Amino acid sequence: MIRKTRALACMASIFSGVFGASLTSRMPQNATNGWGTIDAPMYPDYLTDNPLPSGKPWGHRQGHGNDPYGNAPVTGVTRYYDFDVRRATLAPDGYEKSGIFVNGQFPGPAIEANWGDWIEVRVHNNIEDTDGGKAEGTAMHFHGITQKGTPWFDGVPGFSQCPIAPGSSFTYRFRADVYGTSWWHSHYSAQYTAGLWGPMIIYGPKHVPYDVDLGPVMLGDYYHSEYHDVVESASGNSTDFNVYVPWSDNNLINGKNNYNCSMAAENSTCYANAGLAQFRFQPGKTHRLRLMNTGAAALIHFSLDGHKMKVIANDFEPVVPYDADFVTLHVGQRTDVLVTANASPAATYWMRSTISLNCSHHKCRGARADEKTFLCKNDDLEKTVPFFPKKVDLHPDAVETITVDLFTNATGSHIWTMNNVTQYTNYNSPLLLEAYKGNFTFPDPKANVYDFGANKTVRIVLNTVYQSAHPMHLHGHSFQVLAEGPGAWDGKTIINPHNPVRRDTHTQRRYGHLVIQFTMDNPGVWSYHCHIAWHASMGLNIGILERPAELAKKQVPFVIDQTCHDWDRWTKTHVVDQVDAGI
């Protein structure tokens, strides 16, 4: 049924959260299952169970000298999580739809650990044939974790593992080798957009003081259509396609928002009072907000009425604090900000998560959105200074220039190319396992693997000749951002060579260039891809083979082979509907 009421659904896409008193009546929490309740618990500065002797995982050290990419402390602690993955029906914005969730939650449960802890995540794939969809594989990626020494647990099917077959389980075990704010998500096709994601917090040293950790503030666009249908739309096989991305239906904060049910599809169930995410601030206190763009495609501008924000970290990289009226986040990016509650304690203030219309599209036409004068880009590189300085190696061992373009093939499908190749994943033959066997050539050109051998420093130059921006995410590494701007790179400009921006996801502007550089200190086969779900689906991805001779000497855990055996057995009796590139 369609339940039509007077709703402020589209307006709520920018007025998606408040702090202060409760402002709206709402659906029951178990129906929307969002995080944003006014009485949500605060987050600690560290986990109190099994801390090291001073109560903090980094001992008596504070602030300086605690580079998150340095040597993590040995805590001797393992944090255990159990993920039951299956289909369910929820209505985060009042519109009921079938999705894929962990433990029936949306967003999924938070992974928390102290810097240096081990984390074990047991994943049970119970995605079965139901009215809401078919059985399918899955895999979990822990965004920004470098996986040094554990590349087989990076969670990318066709790269580090075979998919977890329906009815099977898989245990990821990795070190919390960096600290800060991130998220985990499925890495099987565009599956995570069906609801298979959640926040991840690794507690570590403070380089800027604050009083209260409010925890995750998860932002992003939201689609009512089943993800396979959106992938088809993105490929151009529907009238819903445009040169950017398919049109989203809503914009959520911590899994909540209202929706205008007058826009709902016929024969759907829609309620107008899903409710808004809310946060309680303590007057006079300084609060840490862990912002993250967990959406599918939209570039988000986040702001807070009546308050300034101080940026203290981007991704897992602490930065020299700077003030900001708004924060720009593309898909996969995280920014930690401090906000002091110095306005009237009796008032409420809107948090605004605004989709940029210059590089994204959504159906809430009544919502206020950014003017098209906003570029699809992150803050200027000169503005952001890493707190722990690192110089650029001006003479990298390898330089690879890659042209990014959109191509329409003979069937009329739109596909992305990187140096004229559209990446395609073979679920049954993961690249990492082939490398362990000593097979470094990867004869199928669709794997799109770049072998950098034993080189120490690699520079990748991306030049895009198409009118779309790309939040580019590198697995297994943080990278230095040497340059970004319009047109092709001139081959010489480097912004702040004494201490350039560092992060694991950065936006390449449309018709522009992005130059990154990183140290090859992590043997593996790593994905470097656009984090817009629909662009990754259309092949905007390369594989990076790193230090292959060292890979061949390592022992592969038994669970990796067993998972491939389980997947092979399942695929002999089931058709795998791989509708896209696969990652």
Protein backbone atom coordinates (compact mmCIF):
# COMPACT_ATOMS: atom_id res chain seq x y z
CA MET A 1 0.00 0.00 0.00
CA ILE A 2 0.96 3.65 -0.26
CA ARG A 3 0.30 5.75 2.78
CA LYS A 4 0.33 9.37 1.65
CA THR A 5 0.66 12.11 4.25
CA ARG A 6 1.95 15.63 4.45
CA ALA A 7 5.67 15.02 4.79
CA LEU A 8 8.83 17.06 4.63
CA ALA A 9 10.70 14.18 3.09
CA CYS A 10 12.81 15.97 0.53
CA MET A 11 13.60 18.81 2.89
CA ALA A 12 14.81 16.24 5.39
CA SER A 13 17.53 15.20 3.02
CA ILE A 14 19.40 18.31 4.06
CA PHE A 15 17.89 18.65 7.53
CA SER A 16 18.83 15.11 8.45
CA GLY A 17 19.94 15.45 12.04
CA VAL A 18 19.74 17.65 15.09
CA PHE A 19 21.14 17.80 18.56
CA GLY A 20 19.01 18.79 21.48
CA ALA A 21 15.47 17.72 22.31
CA SER A 22 13.49 15.22 20.27
CA LEU A 23 11.65 17.05 17.49
CA THR A 24 9.69 14.39 15.63
CA SER A 25 7.39 11.49 16.27
CA ARG A 26 8.80 8.52 14.49
CA MET A 27 8.29 4.93 13.46
CA PRO A 28 9.43 2.24 15.91
CA GLN A 29 13.20 1.82 16.04
CA ASN A 30 12.99 -1.82 14.96
CA ALA A 31 11.19 -0.77 11.75
CA THR A 32 13.73 1.83 10.62
CA ASN A 33 16.66 0.36 12.57
CA GLY A 34 18.73 3.50 12.15
CA TRP A 35 21.41 4.52 14.62
CA GLY A 36 20.34 8.09 15.24
CA THR A 37 18.49 8.02 18.57
CA ILE A 38 18.83 10.89 21.00
CA ASP A 39 19.88 8.55 23.82
CA ALA A 40 22.60 6.73 21.89
CA PRO A 41 25.60 6.00 24.13
CA MET A 42 28.75 8.10 23.92
CA TYR A 43 31.93 6.49 22.70
CA PRO A 44 35.05 6.07 24.86
CA ASP A 45 38.55 7.24 24.07
CA TYR A 46 39.61 3.60 24.29
CA LEU A 47 38.05 0.23 25.03
CA THR A 48 38.08 -0.36 28.77
CA ASP A 49 38.07 -4.14 28.62
CA ASN A 50 41.61 -5.50 28.47
CA PRO A 51 43.49 -2.19 28.06
CA LEU A 52 47.20 -1.94 28.60
CA PRO A 53 48.52 -0.79 32.06
CA SER A 54 47.93 3.00 31.97
CA GLY A 55 44.44 2.46 30.65
CA LYS A 56 45.38 3.34 27.09
CA PRO A 57 46.61 1.07 24.34
CA TRP A 58 49.60 3.25 23.55
CA GLY A 59 51.04 3.26 27.07
CA HIS A 60 52.23 6.58 28.49
CA ARG A 61 52.95 8.19 25.13
CA GLN A 62 50.71 11.07 24.09
CA GLY A 63 50.36 13.02 20.86
CA HIS A 64 53.73 13.47 19.17
CA GLY A 65 55.50 10.41 17.83
CA ASN A 66 52.29 8.42 17.38
CA ASP A 67 52.13 8.22 13.60
CA PRO A 68 49.24 5.82 12.85
CA TYR A 69 51.34 4.26 10.09
CA GLY A 70 54.26 3.66 12.43
CA ASN A 71 54.72 0.65 14.65
CA ALA A 72 51.48 -0.25 16.41
CA PRO A 73 51.74 -1.31 20.07
CA VAL A 74 51.41 -4.97 20.98
CA THR A 75 48.30 -5.20 23.16
CA GLY A 76 47.84 -8.96 23.29
CA VAL A 77 44.08 -8.44 22.85
CA THR A 78 41.72 -9.84 20.21
CA ARG A 79 38.26 -8.30 19.60
CA TYR A 80 35.66 -10.82 18.34
CA TYR A 81 32.66 -10.10 16.10
CA ASP A 82 30.04 -12.41 14.63
CA PHE A 83 28.27 -11.31 11.43
CA ASP A 84 25.10 -13.06 10.28
CA VAL A 85 24.46 -11.86 6.70
CA ARG A 86 20.95 -12.32 5.32
CA ARG A 87 18.05 -10.58 3.62
CA ALA A 88 15.43 -8.68 5.61
CA THR A 89 12.89 -5.89 5.11
CA LEU A 90 13.44 -2.52 6.77
CA ALA A 91 12.29 1.05 6.16
CA PRO A 92 15.16 3.41 7.10
CA ASP A 93 13.33 6.35 5.52
CA GLY A 94 9.81 4.96 5.83
CA TYR A 95 9.90 3.19 2.45
CA GLU A 96 9.88 -0.56 3.00
CA LYS A 97 12.38 -2.50 0.91
CA SER A 98 14.26 -5.74 0.98
CA GLY A 99 17.94 -5.38 1.77
CA ILE A 100 20.96 -7.39 2.89
CA PHE A 101 22.03 -6.70 6.46
CA VAL A 102 24.38 -7.90 9.19
CA ASN A 103 22.60 -9.18 12.31
CA GLY A 104 19.41 -7.54 11.03
CA GLN A 105 20.85 -4.07 11.62
CA PHE A 106 21.13 -1.05 9.34
CA PRO A 107 23.70 0.41 9.44
CA GLY A 108 25.51 -2.70 10.64
CA PRO A 109 27.22 -3.13 14.03
CA ALA A 110 30.23 -1.02 14.89
CA ILE A 111 33.63 -2.66 14.94
CA GLU A 112 35.68 -1.15 17.78
CA ALA A 113 39.26 -1.89 18.82
CA ASN A 114 42.29 -0.24 20.34
CA TRP A 115 45.30 0.52 18.18
CA GLY A 116 47.40 -2.66 18.03
CA ASP A 117 44.57 -5.09 18.89
CA TRP A 118 43.73 -8.05 16.68
CA ILE A 119 40.21 -8.20 15.22
CA GLU A 120 38.37 -11.38 14.29
CA VAL A 121 35.16 -11.17 12.27
CA ARG A 122 33.29 -14.41 11.68
CA VAL A 123 31.02 -13.98 8.63
CA HIS A 124 28.13 -16.37 8.01
CA ASN A 125 26.64 -16.05 4.52
CA ASN A 126 22.93 -16.75 4.88
CA ILE A 127 21.84 -14.85 1.75
CA GLU A 128 19.26 -17.29 0.39
CA ASP A 129 16.71 -17.45 -2.40
CA THR A 130 13.76 -15.44 -1.09
CA ASP A 131 11.03 -13.20 -2.48
CA GLY A 132 13.47 -10.32 -2.10
CA GLY A 133 16.26 -11.80 -4.21
CA LYS A 134 18.52 -14.71 -5.00
CA ALA A 135 21.26 -16.43 -3.05
CA GLU A 136 24.65 -14.87 -3.71
CA GLY A 137 28.22 -14.75 -2.50
CA THR A 138 29.72 -12.09 -0.28
CA ALA A 139 33.04 -10.84 1.15
CA MET A 140 33.94 -8.16 3.72
CA HIS A 141 36.46 -5.36 3.34
CA PHE A 142 37.75 -3.31 6.27
CA HIS A 143 38.28 0.04 4.61
CA GLY A 144 41.70 1.61 5.19
CA ILE A 145 43.19 -1.26 7.21
CA THR A 146 46.54 -1.99 5.50
CA GLN A 147 46.44 -5.76 6.12
CA LYS A 148 50.23 -5.94 6.37
CA GLY A 149 51.10 -9.59 6.71
CA THR A 150 47.46 -10.60 6.14
CA PRO A 151 46.71 -9.65 2.48
CA TRP A 152 44.37 -12.66 2.11
CA PHE A 153 41.94 -10.99 4.55
CA ASP A 154 41.46 -7.81 2.49
CA GLY A 155 38.00 -9.05 1.50
CA VAL A 156 37.90 -8.44 -2.27
CA PRO A 157 36.52 -11.41 -4.25
CA GLY A 158 38.61 -12.26 -7.28
CA PHE A 159 41.54 -10.40 -5.72
CA SER A 160 42.29 -11.75 -2.24
CA GLN A 161 39.72 -14.54 -1.95
CA CYS A 162 36.86 -16.42 -3.56
CA PRO A 163 33.41 -15.22 -2.47
CA ILE A 164 31.94 -16.79 0.65
CA ALA A 165 29.37 -19.21 -0.73
CA PRO A 166 25.79 -19.17 0.57
CA GLY A 167 25.56 -21.46 3.58
CA SER A 168 29.29 -21.10 4.32
CA SER A 169 31.29 -19.12 6.87
CA PHE A 170 34.64 -17.34 6.82
CA THR A 171 36.73 -15.77 9.59
CA TYR A 172 38.77 -12.63 8.94
CA ARG A 173 41.66 -12.02 11.35
CA PHE A 174 43.73 -8.86 11.03
CA ARG A 175 45.55 -6.27 13.09
CA ALA A 176 44.20 -2.84 13.98
CA ASP A 177 47.44 -1.51 12.53
CA VAL A 178 46.25 2.11 12.16
CA TYR A 179 43.92 4.24 14.28
CA GLY A 180 41.08 6.64 13.62
CA THR A 181 37.75 6.49 11.82
CA SER A 182 36.60 4.17 9.05
CA TRP A 183 33.96 1.65 8.01
CA TRP A 184 33.57 -1.95 6.85
CA HIS A 185 31.49 -3.02 3.88
CA SER A 186 30.75 -5.85 1.51
CA HIS A 187 32.95 -6.01 -1.57
CA TYR A 188 30.87 -8.21 -3.87
CA SER A 189 29.48 -6.35 -6.89
CA ALA A 190 27.55 -3.30 -5.59
CA GLN A 191 26.13 -5.42 -2.77
CA TYR A 192 27.08 -3.07 0.07
CA THR A 193 24.51 -0.56 -1.20
CA ALA A 194 21.80 -3.05 -0.18
CA GLY A 195 22.72 -2.28 3.46
CA LEU A 196 25.80 -4.40 4.07
CA TRP A 197 28.05 -1.89 5.86
CA GLY A 198 28.79 -0.32 9.21
CA PRO A 199 31.28 1.91 11.08
CA MET A 200 34.72 0.98 12.38
CA ILE A 201 36.58 2.90 15.09
CA ILE A 202 40.18 2.19 16.06
CA TYR A 203 40.96 4.13 19.25
CA GLY A 204 44.40 5.70 19.51
CA PRO A 205 46.33 8.76 20.68
CA LYS A 206 44.87 12.27 20.59
CA HIS A 207 46.89 14.97 18.87
CA VAL A 208 44.19 17.57 19.69
CA PRO A 209 42.28 17.61 23.01
CA TYR A 210 38.48 17.23 23.18
CA ASP A 211 35.91 16.22 25.77
CA VAL A 212 33.33 13.92 24.19
CA ASP A 213 33.47 11.36 21.38
CA LEU A 214 30.03 11.33 19.71
CA GLY A 215 31.08 8.45 17.49
CA PRO A 216 30.01 7.73 13.89
CA VAL A 217 28.08 10.24 11.78
CA MET A 218 27.38 8.15 8.68
CA LEU A 219 26.31 10.11 5.60
CA GLY A 220 25.26 9.05 2.14
CA ASP A 221 22.76 8.70 -0.66
CA TYR A 222 20.17 5.92 -0.54
CA TYR A 223 18.40 3.93 -3.25
CA HIS A 224 14.99 2.25 -3.07
CA SER A 225 15.69 0.05 -6.08
CA GLU A 226 17.38 -3.33 -5.69
CA TYR A 227 21.10 -2.95 -6.37
CA HIS A 228 21.16 -5.20 -9.44
CA ASP A 229 18.57 -2.88 -11.04
CA VAL A 230 20.69 0.19 -10.25
CA VAL A 231 23.77 -1.48 -11.75
CA GLU A 232 21.76 -2.07 -14.92
CA SER A 233 20.67 1.56 -14.89
CA ALA A 234 24.28 2.70 -14.45
CA SER A 235 25.36 0.67 -17.45
CA GLY A 236 22.98 2.66 -19.62
CA ASN A 237 20.43 -0.06 -20.26
CA SER A 238 17.57 2.06 -18.96
CA THR A 239 16.14 5.55 -19.37
CA ASP A 240 17.35 6.42 -15.84
CA PHE A 241 20.98 6.80 -16.93
CA ASN A 242 22.85 10.09 -17.08
CA VAL A 243 26.53 10.89 -17.45
CA TYR A 244 27.15 10.99 -13.70
CA VAL A 245 25.33 8.23 -11.80
CA PRO A 246 21.76 6.89 -11.49
CA TRP A 247 19.34 9.01 -9.50
CA SER A 248 19.22 8.28 -5.77
CA ASP A 249 15.99 8.41 -3.75
CA ASN A 250 17.12 9.89 -0.45
CA ASN A 251 19.99 11.05 1.74
CA LEU A 252 20.51 9.47 5.16
CA ILE A 253 22.38 10.34 8.35
CA ASN A 254 23.09 7.32 10.56
CA GLY A 255 20.55 5.34 8.55
CA LYS A 256 17.61 7.70 9.08
CA ASN A 257 15.53 10.25 7.23
CA ASN A 258 11.94 10.92 6.19
CA TYR A 259 10.66 10.32 2.67
CA ASN A 260 7.88 11.97 0.72
CA CYS A 261 5.51 9.03 0.26
CA SER A 262 3.68 10.85 -2.55
CA MET A 263 6.74 9.96 -4.64
CA ALA A 264 6.62 6.26 -3.70
CA ALA A 265 6.11 3.58 -6.32
CA GLU A 266 2.67 2.05 -6.72
CA ASN A 267 1.99 -1.04 -4.59
CA SER A 268 4.79 -0.08 -2.20
CA THR A 269 4.52 0.38 1.55
CA CYS A 270 5.60 3.81 2.72
CA TYR A 271 5.26 5.71 6.01
CA ALA A 272 6.03 9.40 6.33
CA ASN A 273 7.40 9.46 9.88
CA ALA A 274 10.62 7.46 9.80
CA GLY A 275 12.29 10.13 11.93
CA LEU A 276 15.55 12.00 11.79
CA ALA A 277 18.93 11.21 13.29
CA GLN A 278 19.51 13.17 16.51
CA PHE A 279 22.55 13.83 18.68
CA ARG A 280 22.82 15.24 22.18
CA PHE A 281 25.62 17.75 22.82
CA GLN A 282 26.87 18.78 26.27
CA PRO A 283 26.92 22.57 26.70
CA GLY A 284 30.40 24.05 26.70
CA LYS A 285 32.06 20.74 25.81
CA THR A 286 34.12 20.01 22.68
CA HIS A 287 32.79 17.01 20.74
CA ARG A 288 34.47 14.75 18.20
CA LEU A 289 32.25 13.80 15.23
CA ARG A 290 33.49 10.92 13.09
CA LEU A 291 32.08 11.82 9.67
CA MET A 292 32.06 9.16 6.96
CA ASN A 293 30.51 8.96 3.50
CA THR A 294 29.09 5.44 3.36
CA GLY A 295 26.86 6.06 0.35
CA ALA A 296 26.88 4.68 -3.16
CA ALA A 297 27.74 7.65 -5.34
CA ALA A 298 27.00 11.14 -4.02
CA LEU A 299 29.53 13.76 -3.00
CA ILE A 300 28.32 15.22 0.32
CA HIS A 301 28.80 18.62 1.93
CA PHE A 302 28.32 18.46 5.70
CA SER A 303 27.68 21.49 7.90
CA LEU A 304 26.27 22.35 11.31
CA ASP A 305 24.11 25.43 11.84
CA GLY A 306 25.48 28.05 14.21
CA HIS A 307 28.79 26.29 14.83
CA LYS A 308 32.27 26.16 13.37
CA MET A 309 34.03 22.87 12.82
CA LYS A 310 37.71 22.12 13.29
CA VAL A 311 39.06 19.38 10.99
CA ILE A 312 41.52 17.10 12.81
CA ALA A 313 41.82 14.01 10.56
CA ASN A 314 41.12 12.78 7.04
CA ASP A 315 40.75 9.02 6.63
CA PHE A 316 43.31 7.47 9.01
CA GLU A 317 45.62 10.50 8.82
CA PRO A 318 45.73 13.14 11.60
CA VAL A 319 46.07 16.67 10.19
CA VAL A 320 47.13 20.04 11.55
CA PRO A 321 43.74 21.37 12.74
CA TYR A 322 41.98 23.94 10.56
CA ASP A 323 38.56 25.60 10.71
CA ALA A 324 35.81 24.75 8.23
CA ASP A 325 32.28 25.97 7.58
CA PHE A 326 31.52 22.72 5.75
CA VAL A 327 33.29 19.43 5.04
CA THR A 328 33.41 17.74 1.65
CA LEU A 329 33.21 13.95 1.64
CA HIS A 330 33.13 11.72 -1.41
CA VAL A 331 32.27 8.03 -1.15
CA GLY A 332 34.62 6.13 1.15
CA GLN A 333 36.16 9.24 2.70
CA ARG A 334 36.18 10.06 6.42
CA THR A 335 36.82 13.34 8.19
CA ASP A 336 37.00 13.81 11.96
CA VAL A 337 35.91 17.23 13.22
CA LEU A 338 35.68 18.94 16.59
CA VAL A 339 32.66 21.05 17.48
CA THR A 340 32.34 23.07 20.68
CA ALA A 341 28.76 23.39 21.97
CA ASN A 342 29.04 27.11 22.73
CA ALA A 343 25.63 28.26 21.48
CA SER A 344 22.36 28.37 23.43
CA PRO A 345 21.91 25.11 25.38
CA ALA A 346 18.13 25.45 25.15
CA ALA A 347 18.05 25.44 21.35
CA THR A 348 18.34 22.76 18.68
CA TYR A 349 20.53 23.06 15.58
CA TRP A 350 20.33 21.36 12.22
CA MET A 351 23.04 19.13 10.85
CA ARG A 352 22.99 19.37 7.06
CA SER A 353 24.12 16.63 4.73
CA THR A 354 23.81 18.15 1.27
CA ILE A 355 24.20 16.24 -1.98
CA SER A 356 26.18 18.24 -4.52
CA LEU A 357 24.12 18.54 -7.71
CA ASN A 358 27.22 19.28 -9.73
CA CYS A 359 28.40 15.68 -9.52
CA SER A 360 25.41 13.69 -8.25
CA HIS A 361 21.67 13.41 -8.91
CA HIS A 362 18.78 12.59 -6.60
CA LYS A 363 15.00 12.52 -6.91
CA CYS A 364 14.17 14.83 -4.00
CA ARG A 365 13.72 17.81 -6.26
CA GLY A 366 12.27 19.89 -3.43
CA ALA A 367 15.46 19.69 -1.40
CA ARG A 368 17.94 22.49 -1.27
CA ALA A 369 21.21 21.47 -2.87
CA ASP A 370 24.53 23.03 -3.67
CA GLU A 371 24.88 25.40 -6.53
CA LYS A 372 26.66 24.07 -9.59
CA THR A 373 29.53 26.44 -8.90
CA PHE A 374 30.83 23.83 -6.45
CA LEU A 375 33.50 21.69 -8.07
CA CYS A 376 33.48 17.93 -7.57
CA LYS A 377 36.67 17.93 -5.56
CA ASN A 378 38.12 17.79 -2.07
CA ASP A 379 39.66 20.75 -0.23
CA ASP A 380 42.61 22.42 -1.94
CA LEU A 381 45.78 20.46 -1.30
CA GLU A 382 47.46 23.53 0.20
CA LYS A 383 44.80 23.68 2.93
CA THR A 384 45.40 20.26 4.47
CA VAL A 385 48.70 19.52 6.22
CA PRO A 386 49.41 16.06 7.72
CA PHE A 387 50.28 16.25 11.42
CA PHE A 388 53.18 13.80 11.00
CA PRO A 389 55.32 15.25 8.18
CA LYS A 390 56.70 13.07 5.39
CA LYS A 391 58.64 14.32 2.39
CA VAL A 392 58.01 13.26 -1.19
CA ASP A 393 60.56 11.01 -2.87
CA LEU A 394 61.07 13.09 -6.00
CA HIS A 395 62.61 10.16 -7.84
CA PRO A 396 60.14 7.25 -7.66
CA ASP A 397 61.21 3.85 -8.91
CA ALA A 398 58.17 3.53 -11.18
CA VAL A 399 55.71 5.96 -12.77
CA GLU A 400 52.50 4.76 -14.42
CA THR A 401 50.22 7.12 -16.36
CA ILE A 402 46.62 5.93 -16.79
CA THR A 403 43.87 7.54 -18.85
CA VAL A 404 40.32 7.17 -17.49
CA ASP A 405 37.42 7.32 -19.95
CA LEU A 406 33.83 6.19 -20.47
CA PHE A 407 33.13 3.96 -23.45
CA THR A 408 29.91 2.66 -24.99
CA ASN A 409 30.40 -0.86 -26.29
CA ALA A 410 28.69 -2.69 -29.12
CA THR A 411 25.76 -3.74 -26.92
CA GLY A 412 25.07 -0.14 -25.88
CA SER A 413 26.41 -0.60 -22.36
CA HIS A 414 28.49 2.14 -20.77
CA ILE A 415 31.77 0.91 -19.30
CA TRP A 416 34.74 2.65 -17.72
CA THR A 417 38.21 2.10 -19.06
CA MET A 418 41.64 2.57 -17.52
CA ASN A 419 44.19 2.67 -20.34
CA ASN A 420 41.50 1.17 -22.60
CA VAL A 421 40.85 -1.84 -20.35
CA THR A 422 37.65 -2.49 -18.37
CA GLN A 423 38.50 -4.61 -15.34
CA TYR A 424 36.54 -7.82 -14.85
CA THR A 425 36.86 -10.18 -11.87
CA ASN A 426 37.15 -13.96 -12.02
CA TYR A 427 35.57 -15.06 -8.75
CA ASN A 428 36.91 -18.61 -9.08
CA SER A 429 40.55 -17.63 -9.54
CA PRO A 430 41.64 -14.87 -7.12
CA LEU A 431 44.69 -12.94 -8.28
CA LEU A 432 46.44 -13.26 -4.92
CA LEU A 433 46.22 -17.07 -5.02
CA GLU A 434 47.63 -17.09 -8.54
CA ALA A 435 50.53 -14.93 -7.35
CA TYR A 436 51.22 -17.33 -4.49
CA LYS A 437 51.53 -20.10 -7.07
CA GLY A 438 54.10 -18.05 -8.94
CA ASN A 439 51.73 -17.06 -11.75
CA PHE A 440 52.54 -13.38 -12.22
CA THR A 441 51.54 -12.83 -15.84
CA PHE A 442 47.71 -13.00 -15.51
CA PRO A 443 47.01 -13.84 -19.16
CA ASP A 444 43.44 -12.50 -19.11
CA PRO A 445 43.84 -8.78 -19.95
CA LYS A 446 40.52 -8.03 -18.23
CA ALA A 447 42.24 -8.57 -14.88
CA ASN A 448 44.01 -5.25 -15.59
CA VAL A 449 46.96 -5.98 -13.27
CA TYR A 450 50.05 -3.76 -13.12
CA ASP A 451 53.14 -5.64 -11.93
CA PHE A 452 55.44 -3.23 -10.06
CA GLY A 453 57.81 -5.99 -9.02
CA ALA A 454 60.26 -5.13 -6.24
CA ASN A 455 60.11 -1.35 -6.78
CA LYS A 456 60.18 0.66 -3.58
CA THR A 457 58.23 3.79 -4.58
CA VAL A 458 55.45 4.00 -7.17
CA ARG A 459 53.75 7.07 -8.64
CA ILE A 460 50.41 6.73 -10.42
CA VAL A 461 49.15 9.55 -12.64
CA LEU A 462 45.42 9.43 -13.45
CA ASN A 463 44.15 11.68 -16.22
CA THR A 464 40.40 11.54 -16.84
CA VAL A 465 39.04 12.76 -20.15
CA TYR A 466 35.38 12.40 -19.15
CA GLN A 467 32.96 14.63 -17.26
CA SER A 468 32.72 12.65 -14.04
CA ALA A 469 34.60 12.81 -10.76
CA HIS A 470 36.00 9.69 -9.09
CA PRO A 471 36.79 9.07 -5.40
CA MET A 472 39.79 6.80 -5.91
CA HIS A 473 40.53 4.32 -3.10
CA LEU A 474 43.76 2.31 -2.75
CA HIS A 475 43.73 -0.93 -0.78
CA GLY A 476 46.66 -1.89 1.44
CA HIS A 477 48.14 1.61 1.65
CA SER A 478 47.87 5.24 2.50
CA PHE A 479 49.18 7.44 -0.32
CA GLN A 480 50.59 10.92 -0.79
CA VAL A 481 48.54 13.21 -3.03
CA LEU A 482 51.12 15.06 -5.10
CA ALA A 483 48.80 16.99 -7.39
CA GLU A 484 45.22 17.32 -8.56
CA GLY A 485 43.61 19.82 -10.89
CA PRO A 486 42.02 20.42 -14.29
CA GLY A 487 43.29 18.74 -17.42
CA ALA A 488 46.22 16.37 -17.73
CA TRP A 489 49.10 16.60 -15.26
CA ASP A 490 51.99 18.70 -16.51
CA GLY A 491 54.53 16.17 -15.25
CA LYS A 492 56.22 18.50 -12.77
CA THR A 493 53.81 20.27 -10.40
CA ILE A 494 53.87 18.84 -6.87
CA ILE A 495 51.92 20.56 -4.10
CA ASN A 496 53.83 20.87 -0.81
CA PRO A 497 56.61 18.34 -1.56
CA HIS A 498 57.89 18.64 2.02
CA ASN A 499 54.62 17.28 3.48
CA PRO A 500 51.82 16.60 0.98
CA VAL A 501 48.28 15.44 1.77
CA ARG A 502 48.02 11.77 2.71
CA ARG A 503 44.92 9.58 2.80
CA ASP A 504 43.53 6.33 1.36
CA THR A 505 40.72 7.85 -0.74
CA HIS A 506 40.91 11.07 -2.76
CA THR A 507 38.72 12.60 -5.45
CA GLN A 508 39.86 13.03 -9.01
CA ARG A 509 37.89 15.95 -10.42
CA ARG A 510 36.12 15.58 -13.76
CA TYR A 511 38.25 16.37 -16.83
CA GLY A 512 41.18 16.46 -14.43
CA HIS A 513 44.23 14.73 -13.02
CA LEU A 514 45.15 13.04 -9.76
CA VAL A 515 48.73 12.10 -8.93
CA ILE A 516 49.43 9.77 -6.01
CA GLN A 517 52.58 8.14 -4.67
CA PHE A 518 53.10 5.36 -2.14
CA THR A 519 55.75 3.07 -0.71
CA MET A 520 55.70 -0.56 -1.80
CA ASP A 521 56.08 -2.10 1.66
CA ASN A 522 53.12 -4.49 1.65
CA PRO A 523 53.39 -7.58 -0.61
CA GLY A 524 50.04 -8.44 -2.15
CA VAL A 525 47.65 -7.83 -5.03
CA TRP A 526 45.79 -4.63 -4.22
CA SER A 527 42.78 -2.97 -5.81
CA TYR A 528 42.86 0.71 -6.81
CA HIS A 529 39.33 1.65 -7.78
CA CYS A 530 36.71 4.34 -7.91
CA HIS A 531 34.51 4.02 -4.81
CA ILE A 532 31.34 5.12 -6.57
CA ALA A 533 29.63 1.72 -6.46
CA TRP A 534 28.26 1.98 -9.98
CA HIS A 535 31.62 3.05 -11.46
CA ALA A 536 33.42 0.12 -9.81
CA SER A 537 30.66 -2.10 -11.20
CA MET A 538 31.42 -0.75 -14.66
CA GLY A 539 35.11 -1.68 -14.42
CA LEU A 540 36.89 1.41 -13.07
CA ASN A 541 39.55 -0.60 -11.26
CA ILE A 542 43.11 -1.87 -11.60
CA GLY A 543 45.09 -4.49 -9.73
CA ILE A 544 48.52 -3.66 -8.30
CA LEU A 545 50.92 -6.58 -7.91
CA GLU A 546 53.41 -5.70 -5.20
CA ARG A 547 56.67 -7.54 -4.44
CA PRO A 548 55.58 -10.84 -6.04
CA ALA A 549 58.77 -12.72 -5.19
CA GLU A 550 57.99 -12.26 -1.49
CA LEU A 551 54.41 -13.40 -1.97
CA ALA A 552 55.48 -16.74 -3.36
CA LYS A 553 57.35 -17.49 -0.12
CA LYS A 554 54.34 -17.01 2.17
CA GLN A 555 52.04 -19.71 3.49
CA VAL A 556 48.39 -19.25 2.50
CA PRO A 557 45.95 -19.94 5.36
CA PHE A 558 43.88 -23.08 4.86
CA VAL A 559 40.64 -21.10 5.07
CA ILE A 560 41.46 -19.34 1.78
CA ASP A 561 41.70 -22.61 -0.17
CA GLN A 562 38.66 -24.02 1.62
CA THR A 563 36.59 -20.96 0.72
CA CYS A 564 37.45 -21.44 -2.95
CA HIS A 565 36.52 -25.13 -2.73
CA ASP A 566 33.18 -24.18 -1.17
CA TRP A 567 32.58 -21.56 -3.86
CA ASP A 568 33.48 -23.97 -6.67
CA ARG A 569 31.12 -26.58 -5.26
CA TRP A 570 28.25 -24.07 -4.93
CA THR A 571 28.71 -22.67 -8.45
CA LYS A 572 28.45 -26.15 -9.96
CA THR A 573 24.79 -26.27 -8.95
CA HIS A 574 23.92 -22.56 -9.07
CA VAL A 575 24.20 -19.91 -11.76
CA VAL A 576 26.25 -16.90 -10.59
CA ASP A 577 24.49 -13.81 -11.88
CA GLN A 578 27.62 -11.66 -12.21
CA VAL A 579 26.07 -8.59 -13.78
CA ASP A 580 29.13 -6.36 -13.51
CA ALA A 581 32.90 -6.25 -12.99
CA GLY A 582 32.43 -8.10 -9.74
CA ILE A 583 34.31 -6.24 -7.01
